[in-house]
Amino acid sequence: MSAEDTSRYVRLQVELVLEVADAAELGRAALEHIEGDEFMPDEERGHATTAVNGDAAEAIAYLVDPLDLVNGVPGVELTQASWSSETIDYDPDAEDWQVDEDLH
């Protein structure tokens, strides 16, 4: 692949920290999403239902789609996407969680 071909690709890295204010509501939304997914195989649906019960990180992973970040952006096509979510210990005052101003 030539340098000209590779320059057409851009990696967009996004890190979000979400506060779950209502875990029950989040769980219900994830279960509704899973039940409404007509393309999800039944075996995967059963696994997904089990995974989101009581696990906010799993529920968020089923509700958030990276395609939504770039859908409708003129002139771009999503080539590859991956994402994950996990429960973390978060302290907004800790130095580790300060936004790096050089990254903007």
Protein backbone atom coordinates (compact mmCIF):
# COMPACT_ATOMS: atom_id res chain seq x y z
CA MET A 1 0.00 0.00 0.00
CA SER A 2 1.46 3.33 -1.00
CA ALA A 3 1.85 6.30 1.34
CA GLU A 4 -0.89 8.04 -0.63
CA ASP A 5 -3.28 5.12 0.02
CA THR A 6 -2.51 4.96 3.73
CA SER A 7 -2.98 8.72 4.18
CA ARG A 8 -6.66 8.19 3.40
CA TYR A 9 -7.13 6.44 6.75
CA VAL A 10 -7.56 8.22 10.07
CA ARG A 11 -7.69 6.57 13.50
CA LEU A 12 -10.08 8.39 15.80
CA GLN A 13 -9.54 7.52 19.45
CA VAL A 14 -12.21 8.52 21.93
CA GLU A 15 -12.25 7.80 25.65
CA LEU A 16 -15.39 8.46 27.63
CA VAL A 17 -16.13 8.08 31.33
CA LEU A 18 -19.84 7.69 32.00
CA GLU A 19 -21.61 7.94 35.34
CA VAL A 20 -24.46 5.47 35.67
CA ALA A 21 -27.14 7.44 37.48
CA ASP A 22 -29.85 4.78 37.13
CA ALA A 23 -28.56 1.23 36.67
CA ALA A 24 -32.07 -0.24 36.48
CA GLU A 25 -33.08 2.10 33.66
CA LEU A 26 -29.83 1.36 31.83
CA GLY A 27 -30.39 -2.38 32.21
CA ARG A 28 -33.96 -2.14 30.92
CA ALA A 29 -32.83 -0.15 27.89
CA ALA A 30 -30.13 -2.71 27.09
CA LEU A 31 -32.59 -5.61 27.41
CA GLU A 32 -35.08 -3.82 25.15
CA HIS A 33 -32.32 -3.20 22.62
CA ILE A 34 -31.26 -6.86 22.68
CA GLU A 35 -34.85 -8.10 22.34
CA GLY A 36 -35.49 -5.69 19.46
CA ASP A 37 -32.38 -6.69 17.49
CA GLU A 38 -33.85 -8.75 14.67
CA PHE A 39 -30.42 -9.76 13.38
CA MET A 40 -29.10 -11.19 16.68
CA PRO A 41 -29.10 -15.00 16.73
CA ASP A 42 -31.11 -16.57 19.58
CA GLU A 43 -27.99 -18.12 21.15
CA GLU A 44 -26.25 -14.74 21.24
CA ARG A 45 -29.44 -13.08 22.53
CA GLY A 46 -29.49 -15.44 25.52
CA HIS A 47 -25.82 -14.73 26.27
CA ALA A 48 -26.36 -10.97 25.88
CA THR A 49 -29.38 -11.00 28.18
CA THR A 50 -27.39 -12.80 30.85
CA ALA A 51 -24.40 -10.48 30.40
CA VAL A 52 -26.30 -7.22 30.86
CA ASN A 53 -28.24 -8.29 33.95
CA GLY A 54 -26.62 -6.33 36.77
CA ASP A 55 -23.57 -5.29 34.73
CA ALA A 56 -23.67 -1.63 33.69
CA ALA A 57 -20.52 -1.93 31.57
CA GLU A 58 -22.05 -4.76 29.53
CA ALA A 59 -25.31 -2.86 29.18
CA ILE A 60 -23.48 0.18 27.83
CA ALA A 61 -21.49 -1.99 25.40
CA TYR A 62 -24.76 -3.23 23.88
CA LEU A 63 -26.22 0.28 23.63
CA VAL A 64 -23.25 2.28 22.30
CA ASP A 65 -22.29 1.88 18.65
CA PRO A 66 -19.19 3.61 17.24
CA LEU A 67 -20.95 3.92 13.90
CA ASP A 68 -23.18 6.54 15.52
CA LEU A 69 -20.10 8.76 16.01
CA VAL A 70 -19.35 9.01 12.29
CA ASN A 71 -22.68 8.26 10.67
CA GLY A 72 -23.56 11.22 8.52
CA VAL A 73 -20.08 12.76 8.52
CA PRO A 74 -19.61 13.89 4.90
CA GLY A 75 -16.84 12.22 2.94
CA VAL A 76 -16.00 9.39 5.36
CA GLU A 77 -16.82 5.71 5.53
CA LEU A 78 -16.27 3.58 8.62
CA THR A 79 -13.70 0.92 7.74
CA GLN A 80 -13.18 -0.78 11.10
CA ALA A 81 -14.43 -0.31 14.64
CA SER A 82 -13.99 -1.95 17.99
CA TRP A 83 -15.00 -0.89 21.45
CA SER A 84 -15.22 -2.16 24.95
CA SER A 85 -16.48 -0.98 28.29
CA GLU A 86 -15.50 -1.75 31.84
CA THR A 87 -16.38 -0.66 35.34
CA ILE A 88 -13.62 1.54 36.75
CA ASP A 89 -12.63 3.32 39.94
CA TYR A 90 -12.92 6.98 39.04
CA ASP A 91 -11.71 9.99 40.95
CA PRO A 92 -12.14 13.18 38.90
CA ASP A 93 -9.61 14.95 41.12
CA ALA A 94 -6.86 12.37 40.62
CA GLU A 95 -3.99 13.39 38.37
CA ASP A 96 -4.42 10.22 36.27
CA TRP A 97 -7.84 11.45 35.14
CA GLN A 98 -6.86 14.94 34.05
CA VAL A 99 -7.47 15.70 30.37
CA ASP A 100 -4.23 16.02 28.41
CA GLU A 101 -4.52 19.44 26.78
CA ASP A 102 -1.96 18.41 24.13
CA LEU A 103 -4.38 15.83 22.74
CA HIS A 104 -7.00 18.36 21.58
